[in-house]
ModelCIF file with pLDDT and N, C-alpha, C, O atoms, coordinates in Angstrom:
data_MODEL
#
_entry.id   MODEL 
#
_entity.id                         1 
_entity.type                       polymer 
_entity.pdbx_number_of_molecules   1 
#
_entity_poly.entity_id                      1 
_entity_poly.type                           'polypeptide(L)' 
_entity_poly.nstd_linkage                   no 
_entity_poly.nstd_monomer                   no 
_entity_poly.pdbx_seq_one_letter_code       KEPQGLAYLPGRDALVVASGGDGTVRFYRAGDLAPAGVLALGKDADNV 
_entity_poly.pdbx_seq_one_letter_code_can   KEPQGLAYLPGRDALVVASGGDGTVRFYRAGDLAPAGVLALGKDADNV 
_entity_poly.pdbx_strand_id                 A 
#
loop_
_entity_poly_seq.entity_id 
_entity_poly_seq.num 
_entity_poly_seq.mon_id 
_entity_poly_seq.hetero 
1 1  LYS n 
1 2  GLU n 
1 3  PRO n 
1 4  GLN n 
1 5  GLY n 
1 6  LEU n 
1 7  ALA n 
1 8  TYR n 
1 9  LEU n 
1 10 PRO n 
1 11 GLY n 
1 12 ARG n 
1 13 ASP n 
1 14 ALA n 
1 15 LEU n 
1 16 VAL n 
1 17 VAL n 
1 18 ALA n 
1 19 SER n 
1 20 GLY n 
1 21 GLY n 
1 22 ASP n 
1 23 GLY n 
1 24 THR n 
1 25 VAL n 
1 26 ARG n 
1 27 PHE n 
1 28 TYR n 
1 29 ARG n 
1 30 ALA n 
1 31 GLY n 
1 32 ASP n 
1 33 LEU n 
1 34 ALA n 
1 35 PRO n 
1 36 ALA n 
1 37 GLY n 
1 38 VAL n 
1 39 LEU n 
1 40 ALA n 
1 41 LEU n 
1 42 GLY n 
1 43 LYS n 
1 44 ASP n 
1 45 ALA n 
1 46 ASP n 
1 47 ASN n 
1 48 VAL n 
#
_struct_asym.id          A 
_struct_asym.entity_id   1 
#
loop_
_ma_qa_metric.id 
_ma_qa_metric.mode 
_ma_qa_metric.name 
_ma_qa_metric.software_group_id 
_ma_qa_metric.type 
1 global pLDDT . pLDDT 
2 local  pLDDT . pLDDT 
#
_ma_qa_metric_global.metric_id      1 
_ma_qa_metric_global.metric_value   97.56 
_ma_qa_metric_global.model_id       1 
_ma_qa_metric_global.ordinal_id     1 
#
loop_
_ma_qa_metric_local.label_asym_id 
_ma_qa_metric_local.label_comp_id 
_ma_qa_metric_local.label_seq_id 
_ma_qa_metric_local.metric_id 
_ma_qa_metric_local.metric_value 
_ma_qa_metric_local.model_id 
_ma_qa_metric_local.ordinal_id 
A LYS 1  2 98.00 1 1  
A GLU 2  2 98.00 1 2  
A PRO 3  2 98.00 1 3  
A GLN 4  2 98.00 1 4  
A GLY 5  2 98.00 1 5  
A LEU 6  2 98.00 1 6  
A ALA 7  2 98.00 1 7  
A TYR 8  2 98.00 1 8  
A LEU 9  2 98.00 1 9  
A PRO 10 2 95.00 1 10 
A GLY 11 2 93.00 1 11 
A ARG 12 2 96.00 1 12 
A ASP 13 2 98.00 1 13 
A ALA 14 2 98.00 1 14 
A LEU 15 2 98.00 1 15 
A VAL 16 2 98.00 1 16 
A VAL 17 2 98.00 1 17 
A ALA 18 2 98.00 1 18 
A SER 19 2 98.00 1 19 
A GLY 20 2 98.00 1 20 
A GLY 21 2 97.00 1 21 
A ASP 22 2 98.00 1 22 
A GLY 23 2 98.00 1 23 
A THR 24 2 98.00 1 24 
A VAL 25 2 98.00 1 25 
A ARG 26 2 98.00 1 26 
A PHE 27 2 98.00 1 27 
A TYR 28 2 98.00 1 28 
A ARG 29 2 98.00 1 29 
A ALA 30 2 98.00 1 30 
A GLY 31 2 97.00 1 31 
A ASP 32 2 97.00 1 32 
A LEU 33 2 98.00 1 33 
A ALA 34 2 98.00 1 34 
A PRO 35 2 98.00 1 35 
A ALA 36 2 98.00 1 36 
A GLY 37 2 97.00 1 37 
A VAL 38 2 98.00 1 38 
A LEU 39 2 98.00 1 39 
A ALA 40 2 98.00 1 40 
A LEU 41 2 98.00 1 41 
A GLY 42 2 96.00 1 42 
A LYS 43 2 96.00 1 43 
A ASP 44 2 97.00 1 44 
A ALA 45 2 98.00 1 45 
A ASP 46 2 97.00 1 46 
A ASN 47 2 97.00 1 47 
A VAL 48 2 98.00 1 48 
#
loop_
_atom_site.group_PDB 
_atom_site.id 
_atom_site.type_symbol 
_atom_site.label_atom_id 
_atom_site.label_alt_id 
_atom_site.label_comp_id 
_atom_site.label_asym_id 
_atom_site.label_entity_id 
_atom_site.label_seq_id 
_atom_site.pdbx_PDB_ins_code 
_atom_site.Cartn_x 
_atom_site.Cartn_y 
_atom_site.Cartn_z 
_atom_site.occupancy 
_atom_site.B_iso_or_equiv 
_atom_site.pdbx_formal_charge 
_atom_site.auth_seq_id 
_atom_site.auth_comp_id 
_atom_site.auth_asym_id 
_atom_site.auth_atom_id 
_atom_site.pdbx_PDB_model_num 
ATOM 1   N N  . LYS A 1 1  ? 8.545  -24.500 -0.198 1.00 98.00 ? 1  LYS A N  1 
ATOM 2   C CA . LYS A 1 1  ? 8.741  -22.870 -0.118 1.00 98.00 ? 1  LYS A CA 1 
ATOM 3   C C  . LYS A 1 1  ? 8.014  -22.580 1.787  1.00 98.00 ? 1  LYS A C  1 
ATOM 4   O O  . LYS A 1 1  ? 6.983  -22.133 2.290  1.00 98.00 ? 1  LYS A O  1 
ATOM 5   N N  . GLU A 1 2  ? 9.552  -23.269 2.341  1.00 98.00 ? 2  GLU A N  1 
ATOM 6   C CA . GLU A 1 2  ? 8.591  -22.814 4.026  1.00 98.00 ? 2  GLU A CA 1 
ATOM 7   C C  . GLU A 1 2  ? 7.420  -23.554 4.275  1.00 98.00 ? 2  GLU A C  1 
ATOM 8   O O  . GLU A 1 2  ? 6.284  -23.080 4.317  1.00 98.00 ? 2  GLU A O  1 
ATOM 9   N N  . PRO A 1 3  ? 7.849  -25.170 4.500  1.00 98.00 ? 3  PRO A N  1 
ATOM 10  C CA . PRO A 1 3  ? 6.468  -25.542 4.503  1.00 98.00 ? 3  PRO A CA 1 
ATOM 11  C C  . PRO A 1 3  ? 6.122  -25.496 5.956  1.00 98.00 ? 3  PRO A C  1 
ATOM 12  O O  . PRO A 1 3  ? 7.064  -25.653 6.733  1.00 98.00 ? 3  PRO A O  1 
ATOM 13  N N  . GLN A 1 4  ? 5.196  -25.349 6.343  1.00 98.00 ? 4  GLN A N  1 
ATOM 14  C CA . GLN A 1 4  ? 5.033  -25.567 8.165  1.00 98.00 ? 4  GLN A CA 1 
ATOM 15  C C  . GLN A 1 4  ? 4.018  -26.467 8.724  1.00 98.00 ? 4  GLN A C  1 
ATOM 16  O O  . GLN A 1 4  ? 4.305  -27.224 9.652  1.00 98.00 ? 4  GLN A O  1 
ATOM 17  N N  . GLY A 1 5  ? 2.565  -26.412 8.083  1.00 98.00 ? 5  GLY A N  1 
ATOM 18  C CA . GLY A 1 5  ? 1.724  -27.317 8.318  1.00 98.00 ? 5  GLY A CA 1 
ATOM 19  C C  . GLY A 1 5  ? 1.628  -28.401 7.556  1.00 98.00 ? 5  GLY A C  1 
ATOM 20  O O  . GLY A 1 5  ? 1.862  -28.492 6.350  1.00 98.00 ? 5  GLY A O  1 
ATOM 21  N N  . LEU A 1 6  ? 1.136  -29.549 8.602  1.00 98.00 ? 6  LEU A N  1 
ATOM 22  C CA . LEU A 1 6  ? 1.210  -31.010 8.482  1.00 98.00 ? 6  LEU A CA 1 
ATOM 23  C C  . LEU A 1 6  ? -0.056 -31.590 8.655  1.00 98.00 ? 6  LEU A C  1 
ATOM 24  O O  . LEU A 1 6  ? -0.721 -31.205 9.617  1.00 98.00 ? 6  LEU A O  1 
ATOM 25  N N  . ALA A 1 7  ? -0.577 -32.562 7.800  1.00 98.00 ? 7  ALA A N  1 
ATOM 26  C CA . ALA A 1 7  ? -1.963 -33.518 8.870  1.00 98.00 ? 7  ALA A CA 1 
ATOM 27  C C  . ALA A 1 7  ? -2.080 -34.556 7.605  1.00 98.00 ? 7  ALA A C  1 
ATOM 28  O O  . ALA A 1 7  ? -2.159 -34.470 6.380  1.00 98.00 ? 7  ALA A O  1 
ATOM 29  N N  . TYR A 1 8  ? -2.042 -35.681 8.692  1.00 98.00 ? 8  TYR A N  1 
ATOM 30  C CA . TYR A 1 8  ? -2.411 -37.248 7.476  1.00 98.00 ? 8  TYR A CA 1 
ATOM 31  C C  . TYR A 1 8  ? -3.599 -37.233 8.181  1.00 98.00 ? 8  TYR A C  1 
ATOM 32  O O  . TYR A 1 8  ? -4.036 -37.067 9.320  1.00 98.00 ? 8  TYR A O  1 
ATOM 33  N N  . LEU A 1 9  ? -4.084 -37.566 6.615  1.00 98.00 ? 9  LEU A N  1 
ATOM 34  C CA . LEU A 1 9  ? -5.584 -38.435 6.601  1.00 98.00 ? 9  LEU A CA 1 
ATOM 35  C C  . LEU A 1 9  ? -5.535 -39.345 6.666  1.00 98.00 ? 9  LEU A C  1 
ATOM 36  O O  . LEU A 1 9  ? -4.612 -39.597 5.892  1.00 98.00 ? 9  LEU A O  1 
ATOM 37  N N  . PRO A 1 10 ? -5.983 -40.585 7.202  1.00 95.00 ? 10 PRO A N  1 
ATOM 38  C CA . PRO A 1 10 ? -5.854 -41.926 7.619  1.00 95.00 ? 10 PRO A CA 1 
ATOM 39  C C  . PRO A 1 10 ? -6.666 -42.738 6.653  1.00 95.00 ? 10 PRO A C  1 
ATOM 40  O O  . PRO A 1 10 ? -6.087 -43.721 6.192  1.00 95.00 ? 10 PRO A O  1 
ATOM 41  N N  . GLY A 1 11 ? -7.710 -42.550 6.319  1.00 93.00 ? 11 GLY A N  1 
ATOM 42  C CA . GLY A 1 11 ? -8.441 -42.407 5.362  1.00 93.00 ? 11 GLY A CA 1 
ATOM 43  C C  . GLY A 1 11 ? -8.473 -43.092 3.968  1.00 93.00 ? 11 GLY A C  1 
ATOM 44  O O  . GLY A 1 11 ? -8.967 -44.051 3.374  1.00 93.00 ? 11 GLY A O  1 
ATOM 45  N N  . ARG A 1 12 ? -7.528 -41.866 3.777  1.00 96.00 ? 12 ARG A N  1 
ATOM 46  C CA . ARG A 1 12 ? -7.054 -41.665 2.428  1.00 96.00 ? 12 ARG A CA 1 
ATOM 47  C C  . ARG A 1 12 ? -5.496 -42.150 2.394  1.00 96.00 ? 12 ARG A C  1 
ATOM 48  O O  . ARG A 1 12 ? -4.847 -42.181 1.349  1.00 96.00 ? 12 ARG A O  1 
ATOM 49  N N  . ASP A 1 13 ? -5.108 -42.433 3.354  1.00 98.00 ? 13 ASP A N  1 
ATOM 50  C CA . ASP A 1 13 ? -3.622 -42.580 3.139  1.00 98.00 ? 13 ASP A CA 1 
ATOM 51  C C  . ASP A 1 13 ? -2.521 -41.435 2.542  1.00 98.00 ? 13 ASP A C  1 
ATOM 52  O O  . ASP A 1 13 ? -1.473 -41.529 1.903  1.00 98.00 ? 13 ASP A O  1 
ATOM 53  N N  . ALA A 1 14 ? -3.241 -40.401 3.040  1.00 98.00 ? 14 ALA A N  1 
ATOM 54  C CA . ALA A 1 14 ? -2.556 -39.019 2.491  1.00 98.00 ? 14 ALA A CA 1 
ATOM 55  C C  . ALA A 1 14 ? -1.840 -37.863 3.419  1.00 98.00 ? 14 ALA A C  1 
ATOM 56  O O  . ALA A 1 14 ? -1.980 -37.912 4.641  1.00 98.00 ? 14 ALA A O  1 
ATOM 57  N N  . LEU A 1 15 ? -1.248 -37.065 2.940  1.00 98.00 ? 15 LEU A N  1 
ATOM 58  C CA . LEU A 1 15 ? -0.221 -36.476 3.622  1.00 98.00 ? 15 LEU A CA 1 
ATOM 59  C C  . LEU A 1 15 ? -0.666 -34.752 2.902  1.00 98.00 ? 15 LEU A C  1 
ATOM 60  O O  . LEU A 1 15 ? -0.801 -34.541 1.697  1.00 98.00 ? 15 LEU A O  1 
ATOM 61  N N  . VAL A 1 16 ? -0.832 -33.661 4.050  1.00 98.00 ? 16 VAL A N  1 
ATOM 62  C CA . VAL A 1 16 ? -1.365 -32.531 3.641  1.00 98.00 ? 16 VAL A CA 1 
ATOM 63  C C  . VAL A 1 16 ? -0.292 -31.694 3.858  1.00 98.00 ? 16 VAL A C  1 
ATOM 64  O O  . VAL A 1 16 ? 0.479  -32.084 4.734  1.00 98.00 ? 16 VAL A O  1 
ATOM 65  N N  . VAL A 1 17 ? -0.005 -30.596 3.280  1.00 98.00 ? 17 VAL A N  1 
ATOM 66  C CA . VAL A 1 17 ? 1.444  -30.086 3.671  1.00 98.00 ? 17 VAL A CA 1 
ATOM 67  C C  . VAL A 1 17 ? 1.435  -28.466 3.167  1.00 98.00 ? 17 VAL A C  1 
ATOM 68  O O  . VAL A 1 17 ? 1.688  -28.244 1.983  1.00 98.00 ? 17 VAL A O  1 
ATOM 69  N N  . ALA A 1 18 ? 1.142  -27.340 4.078  1.00 98.00 ? 18 ALA A N  1 
ATOM 70  C CA . ALA A 1 18 ? 0.981  -26.207 4.018  1.00 98.00 ? 18 ALA A CA 1 
ATOM 71  C C  . ALA A 1 18 ? 1.908  -25.456 4.025  1.00 98.00 ? 18 ALA A C  1 
ATOM 72  O O  . ALA A 1 18 ? 2.660  -25.409 4.998  1.00 98.00 ? 18 ALA A O  1 
ATOM 73  N N  . SER A 1 19 ? 2.084  -24.669 2.917  1.00 98.00 ? 19 SER A N  1 
ATOM 74  C CA . SER A 1 19 ? 3.784  -23.465 2.732  1.00 98.00 ? 19 SER A CA 1 
ATOM 75  C C  . SER A 1 19 ? 3.141  -22.665 2.590  1.00 98.00 ? 19 SER A C  1 
ATOM 76  O O  . SER A 1 19 ? 2.101  -22.506 1.950  1.00 98.00 ? 19 SER A O  1 
ATOM 77  N N  . GLY A 1 20 ? 4.257  -21.544 3.744  1.00 98.00 ? 20 GLY A N  1 
ATOM 78  C CA . GLY A 1 20 ? 4.278  -20.448 3.904  1.00 98.00 ? 20 GLY A CA 1 
ATOM 79  C C  . GLY A 1 20 ? 4.767  -19.248 3.331  1.00 98.00 ? 20 GLY A C  1 
ATOM 80  O O  . GLY A 1 20 ? 4.608  -18.076 3.673  1.00 98.00 ? 20 GLY A O  1 
ATOM 81  N N  . GLY A 1 21 ? 5.523  -19.870 2.201  1.00 97.00 ? 21 GLY A N  1 
ATOM 82  C CA . GLY A 1 21 ? 6.396  -18.870 1.106  1.00 97.00 ? 21 GLY A CA 1 
ATOM 83  C C  . GLY A 1 21 ? 5.394  -18.693 0.103  1.00 97.00 ? 21 GLY A C  1 
ATOM 84  O O  . GLY A 1 21 ? 5.218  -17.570 -0.371 1.00 97.00 ? 21 GLY A O  1 
ATOM 85  N N  . ASP A 1 22 ? 4.561  -19.898 -0.361 1.00 98.00 ? 22 ASP A N  1 
ATOM 86  C CA . ASP A 1 22 ? 4.212  -19.314 -1.699 1.00 98.00 ? 22 ASP A CA 1 
ATOM 87  C C  . ASP A 1 22 ? 2.391  -19.703 -1.149 1.00 98.00 ? 22 ASP A C  1 
ATOM 88  O O  . ASP A 1 22 ? 1.601  -19.754 -2.092 1.00 98.00 ? 22 ASP A O  1 
ATOM 89  N N  . GLY A 1 23 ? 1.935  -19.893 -0.073 1.00 98.00 ? 23 GLY A N  1 
ATOM 90  C CA . GLY A 1 23 ? 0.640  -20.174 0.314  1.00 98.00 ? 23 GLY A CA 1 
ATOM 91  C C  . GLY A 1 23 ? -0.284 -21.130 -0.238 1.00 98.00 ? 23 GLY A C  1 
ATOM 92  O O  . GLY A 1 23 ? -1.515 -21.125 -0.233 1.00 98.00 ? 23 GLY A O  1 
ATOM 93  N N  . THR A 1 24 ? 0.896  -22.306 -0.919 1.00 98.00 ? 24 THR A N  1 
ATOM 94  C CA . THR A 1 24 ? -0.014 -23.369 -1.596 1.00 98.00 ? 24 THR A CA 1 
ATOM 95  C C  . THR A 1 24 ? -0.303 -24.417 -0.209 1.00 98.00 ? 24 THR A C  1 
ATOM 96  O O  . THR A 1 24 ? -0.087 -24.232 0.989  1.00 98.00 ? 24 THR A O  1 
ATOM 97  N N  . VAL A 1 25 ? -0.917 -25.641 -0.994 1.00 98.00 ? 25 VAL A N  1 
ATOM 98  C CA . VAL A 1 25 ? -1.605 -26.498 -0.096 1.00 98.00 ? 25 VAL A CA 1 
ATOM 99  C C  . VAL A 1 25 ? -1.366 -27.747 -1.010 1.00 98.00 ? 25 VAL A C  1 
ATOM 100 O O  . VAL A 1 25 ? -1.997 -28.020 -2.030 1.00 98.00 ? 25 VAL A O  1 
ATOM 101 N N  . ARG A 1 26 ? -0.238 -28.520 -0.399 1.00 98.00 ? 26 ARG A N  1 
ATOM 102 C CA . ARG A 1 26 ? -0.497 -29.973 -1.373 1.00 98.00 ? 26 ARG A CA 1 
ATOM 103 C C  . ARG A 1 26 ? -0.711 -30.785 -1.002 1.00 98.00 ? 26 ARG A C  1 
ATOM 104 O O  . ARG A 1 26 ? -0.803 -30.734 0.225  1.00 98.00 ? 26 ARG A O  1 
ATOM 105 N N  . PHE A 1 27 ? -0.899 -31.793 -1.465 1.00 98.00 ? 27 PHE A N  1 
ATOM 106 C CA . PHE A 1 27 ? -1.689 -33.451 -1.137 1.00 98.00 ? 27 PHE A CA 1 
ATOM 107 C C  . PHE A 1 27 ? -0.715 -34.532 -1.929 1.00 98.00 ? 27 PHE A C  1 
ATOM 108 O O  . PHE A 1 27 ? -0.308 -34.581 -3.089 1.00 98.00 ? 27 PHE A O  1 
ATOM 109 N N  . TYR A 1 28 ? -0.566 -35.206 -0.998 1.00 98.00 ? 28 TYR A N  1 
ATOM 110 C CA . TYR A 1 28 ? 0.903  -36.520 -0.915 1.00 98.00 ? 28 TYR A CA 1 
ATOM 111 C C  . TYR A 1 28 ? 0.260  -37.945 -0.721 1.00 98.00 ? 28 TYR A C  1 
ATOM 112 O O  . TYR A 1 28 ? -0.324 -38.262 0.316  1.00 98.00 ? 28 TYR A O  1 
ATOM 113 N N  . ARG A 1 29 ? 0.420  -38.792 -1.829 1.00 98.00 ? 29 ARG A N  1 
ATOM 114 C CA . ARG A 1 29 ? 0.279  -40.120 -1.298 1.00 98.00 ? 29 ARG A CA 1 
ATOM 115 C C  . ARG A 1 29 ? 1.103  -40.446 -0.150 1.00 98.00 ? 29 ARG A C  1 
ATOM 116 O O  . ARG A 1 29 ? 2.283  -40.343 -0.486 1.00 98.00 ? 29 ARG A O  1 
ATOM 117 N N  . ALA A 1 30 ? 0.986  -40.789 1.036  1.00 98.00 ? 30 ALA A N  1 
ATOM 118 C CA . ALA A 1 30 ? 1.710  -40.939 2.114  1.00 98.00 ? 30 ALA A CA 1 
ATOM 119 C C  . ALA A 1 30 ? 2.598  -41.898 1.897  1.00 98.00 ? 30 ALA A C  1 
ATOM 120 O O  . ALA A 1 30 ? 3.738  -41.477 2.093  1.00 98.00 ? 30 ALA A O  1 
ATOM 121 N N  . GLY A 1 31 ? 2.551  -43.153 1.532  1.00 97.00 ? 31 GLY A N  1 
ATOM 122 C CA . GLY A 1 31 ? 3.209  -44.578 1.382  1.00 97.00 ? 31 GLY A CA 1 
ATOM 123 C C  . GLY A 1 31 ? 4.207  -44.116 0.435  1.00 97.00 ? 31 GLY A C  1 
ATOM 124 O O  . GLY A 1 31 ? 5.296  -44.296 0.981  1.00 97.00 ? 31 GLY A O  1 
ATOM 125 N N  . ASP A 1 32 ? 4.395  -43.536 -0.880 1.00 97.00 ? 32 ASP A N  1 
ATOM 126 C CA . ASP A 1 32 ? 5.862  -42.701 -1.563 1.00 97.00 ? 32 ASP A CA 1 
ATOM 127 C C  . ASP A 1 32 ? 5.875  -41.105 -1.820 1.00 97.00 ? 32 ASP A C  1 
ATOM 128 O O  . ASP A 1 32 ? 6.541  -40.432 -2.607 1.00 97.00 ? 32 ASP A O  1 
ATOM 129 N N  . LEU A 1 33 ? 5.047  -40.800 -1.014 1.00 98.00 ? 33 LEU A N  1 
ATOM 130 C CA . LEU A 1 33 ? 5.326  -39.226 -0.849 1.00 98.00 ? 33 LEU A CA 1 
ATOM 131 C C  . LEU A 1 33 ? 4.859  -38.733 -2.560 1.00 98.00 ? 33 LEU A C  1 
ATOM 132 O O  . LEU A 1 33 ? 5.135  -37.598 -2.947 1.00 98.00 ? 33 LEU A O  1 
ATOM 133 N N  . ALA A 1 34 ? 4.452  -39.300 -3.077 1.00 98.00 ? 34 ALA A N  1 
ATOM 134 C CA . ALA A 1 34 ? 4.441  -38.950 -4.580 1.00 98.00 ? 34 ALA A CA 1 
ATOM 135 C C  . ALA A 1 34 ? 3.442  -37.953 -4.884 1.00 98.00 ? 34 ALA A C  1 
ATOM 136 O O  . ALA A 1 34 ? 2.596  -38.162 -4.015 1.00 98.00 ? 34 ALA A O  1 
ATOM 137 N N  . PRO A 1 35 ? 3.012  -36.951 -5.626 1.00 98.00 ? 35 PRO A N  1 
ATOM 138 C CA . PRO A 1 35 ? 2.383  -35.675 -5.717 1.00 98.00 ? 35 PRO A CA 1 
ATOM 139 C C  . PRO A 1 35 ? 1.206  -35.683 -5.944 1.00 98.00 ? 35 PRO A C  1 
ATOM 140 O O  . PRO A 1 35 ? 1.047  -35.888 -7.147 1.00 98.00 ? 35 PRO A O  1 
ATOM 141 N N  . ALA A 1 36 ? -0.236 -35.503 -5.142 1.00 98.00 ? 36 ALA A N  1 
ATOM 142 C CA . ALA A 1 36 ? -1.298 -35.471 -5.535 1.00 98.00 ? 36 ALA A CA 1 
ATOM 143 C C  . ALA A 1 36 ? -2.512 -34.424 -6.057 1.00 98.00 ? 36 ALA A C  1 
ATOM 144 O O  . ALA A 1 36 ? -3.684 -34.614 -6.384 1.00 98.00 ? 36 ALA A O  1 
ATOM 145 N N  . GLY A 1 37 ? -1.806 -33.433 -5.990 1.00 97.00 ? 37 GLY A N  1 
ATOM 146 C CA . GLY A 1 37 ? -2.450 -32.166 -6.235 1.00 97.00 ? 37 GLY A CA 1 
ATOM 147 C C  . GLY A 1 37 ? -2.020 -31.509 -5.428 1.00 97.00 ? 37 GLY A C  1 
ATOM 148 O O  . GLY A 1 37 ? -1.401 -31.906 -4.441 1.00 97.00 ? 37 GLY A O  1 
ATOM 149 N N  . VAL A 1 38 ? -2.384 -29.925 -5.830 1.00 98.00 ? 38 VAL A N  1 
ATOM 150 C CA . VAL A 1 38 ? -1.974 -28.858 -5.177 1.00 98.00 ? 38 VAL A CA 1 
ATOM 151 C C  . VAL A 1 38 ? -3.413 -27.873 -5.229 1.00 98.00 ? 38 VAL A C  1 
ATOM 152 O O  . VAL A 1 38 ? -4.374 -28.068 -5.974 1.00 98.00 ? 38 VAL A O  1 
ATOM 153 N N  . LEU A 1 39 ? -3.280 -26.879 -4.319 1.00 98.00 ? 39 LEU A N  1 
ATOM 154 C CA . LEU A 1 39 ? -4.640 -26.142 -3.782 1.00 98.00 ? 39 LEU A CA 1 
ATOM 155 C C  . LEU A 1 39 ? -3.388 -24.835 -3.758 1.00 98.00 ? 39 LEU A C  1 
ATOM 156 O O  . LEU A 1 39 ? -2.359 -24.885 -3.083 1.00 98.00 ? 39 LEU A O  1 
ATOM 157 N N  . ALA A 1 40 ? -3.921 -23.343 -4.962 1.00 98.00 ? 40 ALA A N  1 
ATOM 158 C CA . ALA A 1 40 ? -3.189 -22.563 -4.266 1.00 98.00 ? 40 ALA A CA 1 
ATOM 159 C C  . ALA A 1 40 ? -3.770 -21.347 -3.332 1.00 98.00 ? 40 ALA A C  1 
ATOM 160 O O  . ALA A 1 40 ? -4.104 -20.264 -3.815 1.00 98.00 ? 40 ALA A O  1 
ATOM 161 N N  . LEU A 1 41 ? -3.839 -21.613 -2.136 1.00 98.00 ? 41 LEU A N  1 
ATOM 162 C CA . LEU A 1 41 ? -4.703 -21.030 -0.720 1.00 98.00 ? 41 LEU A CA 1 
ATOM 163 C C  . LEU A 1 41 ? -4.961 -19.549 -0.429 1.00 98.00 ? 41 LEU A C  1 
ATOM 164 O O  . LEU A 1 41 ? -6.035 -18.950 -0.469 1.00 98.00 ? 41 LEU A O  1 
ATOM 165 N N  . GLY A 1 42 ? -3.622 -19.047 -0.097 1.00 96.00 ? 42 GLY A N  1 
ATOM 166 C CA . GLY A 1 42 ? -3.235 -17.752 -0.220 1.00 96.00 ? 42 GLY A CA 1 
ATOM 167 C C  . GLY A 1 42 ? -2.073 -17.817 0.964  1.00 96.00 ? 42 GLY A C  1 
ATOM 168 O O  . GLY A 1 42 ? -1.563 -18.750 1.584  1.00 96.00 ? 42 GLY A O  1 
ATOM 169 N N  . LYS A 1 43 ? -1.895 -16.331 0.979  1.00 96.00 ? 43 LYS A N  1 
ATOM 170 C CA . LYS A 1 43 ? -0.263 -16.141 1.153  1.00 96.00 ? 43 LYS A CA 1 
ATOM 171 C C  . LYS A 1 43 ? -0.033 -16.491 2.952  1.00 96.00 ? 43 LYS A C  1 
ATOM 172 O O  . LYS A 1 43 ? -0.826 -15.927 3.706  1.00 96.00 ? 43 LYS A O  1 
ATOM 173 N N  . ASP A 1 44 ? 0.994  -17.367 3.548  1.00 97.00 ? 44 ASP A N  1 
ATOM 174 C CA . ASP A 1 44 ? 1.151  -17.543 5.120  1.00 97.00 ? 44 ASP A CA 1 
ATOM 175 C C  . ASP A 1 44 ? 0.585  -18.657 5.360  1.00 97.00 ? 44 ASP A C  1 
ATOM 176 O O  . ASP A 1 44 ? 0.255  -18.854 6.530  1.00 97.00 ? 44 ASP A O  1 
ATOM 177 N N  . ALA A 1 45 ? 0.294  -19.745 4.314  1.00 98.00 ? 45 ALA A N  1 
ATOM 178 C CA . ALA A 1 45 ? -0.550 -20.892 5.119  1.00 98.00 ? 45 ALA A CA 1 
ATOM 179 C C  . ALA A 1 45 ? 0.080  -21.521 5.589  1.00 98.00 ? 45 ALA A C  1 
ATOM 180 O O  . ALA A 1 45 ? 1.092  -22.026 5.101  1.00 98.00 ? 45 ALA A O  1 
ATOM 181 N N  . ASP A 1 46 ? -0.453 -21.704 6.941  1.00 97.00 ? 46 ASP A N  1 
ATOM 182 C CA . ASP A 1 46 ? 0.116  -22.167 8.096  1.00 97.00 ? 46 ASP A CA 1 
ATOM 183 C C  . ASP A 1 46 ? -0.442 -23.593 9.106  1.00 97.00 ? 46 ASP A C  1 
ATOM 184 O O  . ASP A 1 46 ? -0.427 -24.643 8.465  1.00 97.00 ? 46 ASP A O  1 
ATOM 185 N N  . ASN A 1 47 ? -0.797 -23.690 10.205 1.00 97.00 ? 47 ASN A N  1 
ATOM 186 C CA . ASN A 1 47 ? -1.262 -24.808 10.578 1.00 97.00 ? 47 ASN A CA 1 
ATOM 187 C C  . ASN A 1 47 ? -1.965 -25.611 9.998  1.00 97.00 ? 47 ASN A C  1 
ATOM 188 O O  . ASN A 1 47 ? -2.501 -25.168 8.983  1.00 97.00 ? 47 ASN A O  1 
ATOM 189 N N  . VAL A 1 48 ? -2.148 -26.514 10.224 1.00 98.00 ? 48 VAL A N  1 
ATOM 190 C CA . VAL A 1 48 ? -3.697 -27.565 9.718  1.00 98.00 ? 48 VAL A CA 1 
ATOM 191 C C  . VAL A 1 48 ? -4.292 -28.697 10.157 1.00 98.00 ? 48 VAL A C  1 
ATOM 192 O O  . VAL A 1 48 ? -5.303 -29.120 9.598  1.00 98.00 ? 48 VAL A O  1 
#
């Protein structure tokens, strides 16, 4: 829901996605884009 901010974490080979539509911050394995966790942060999650 409206993905906005992204960050790649080299030490973990992980991708972080912040979505403004539902306020979540989602974590993925960067190699296969498999889900690795989610944090309900707050509305309009944006730059990462």
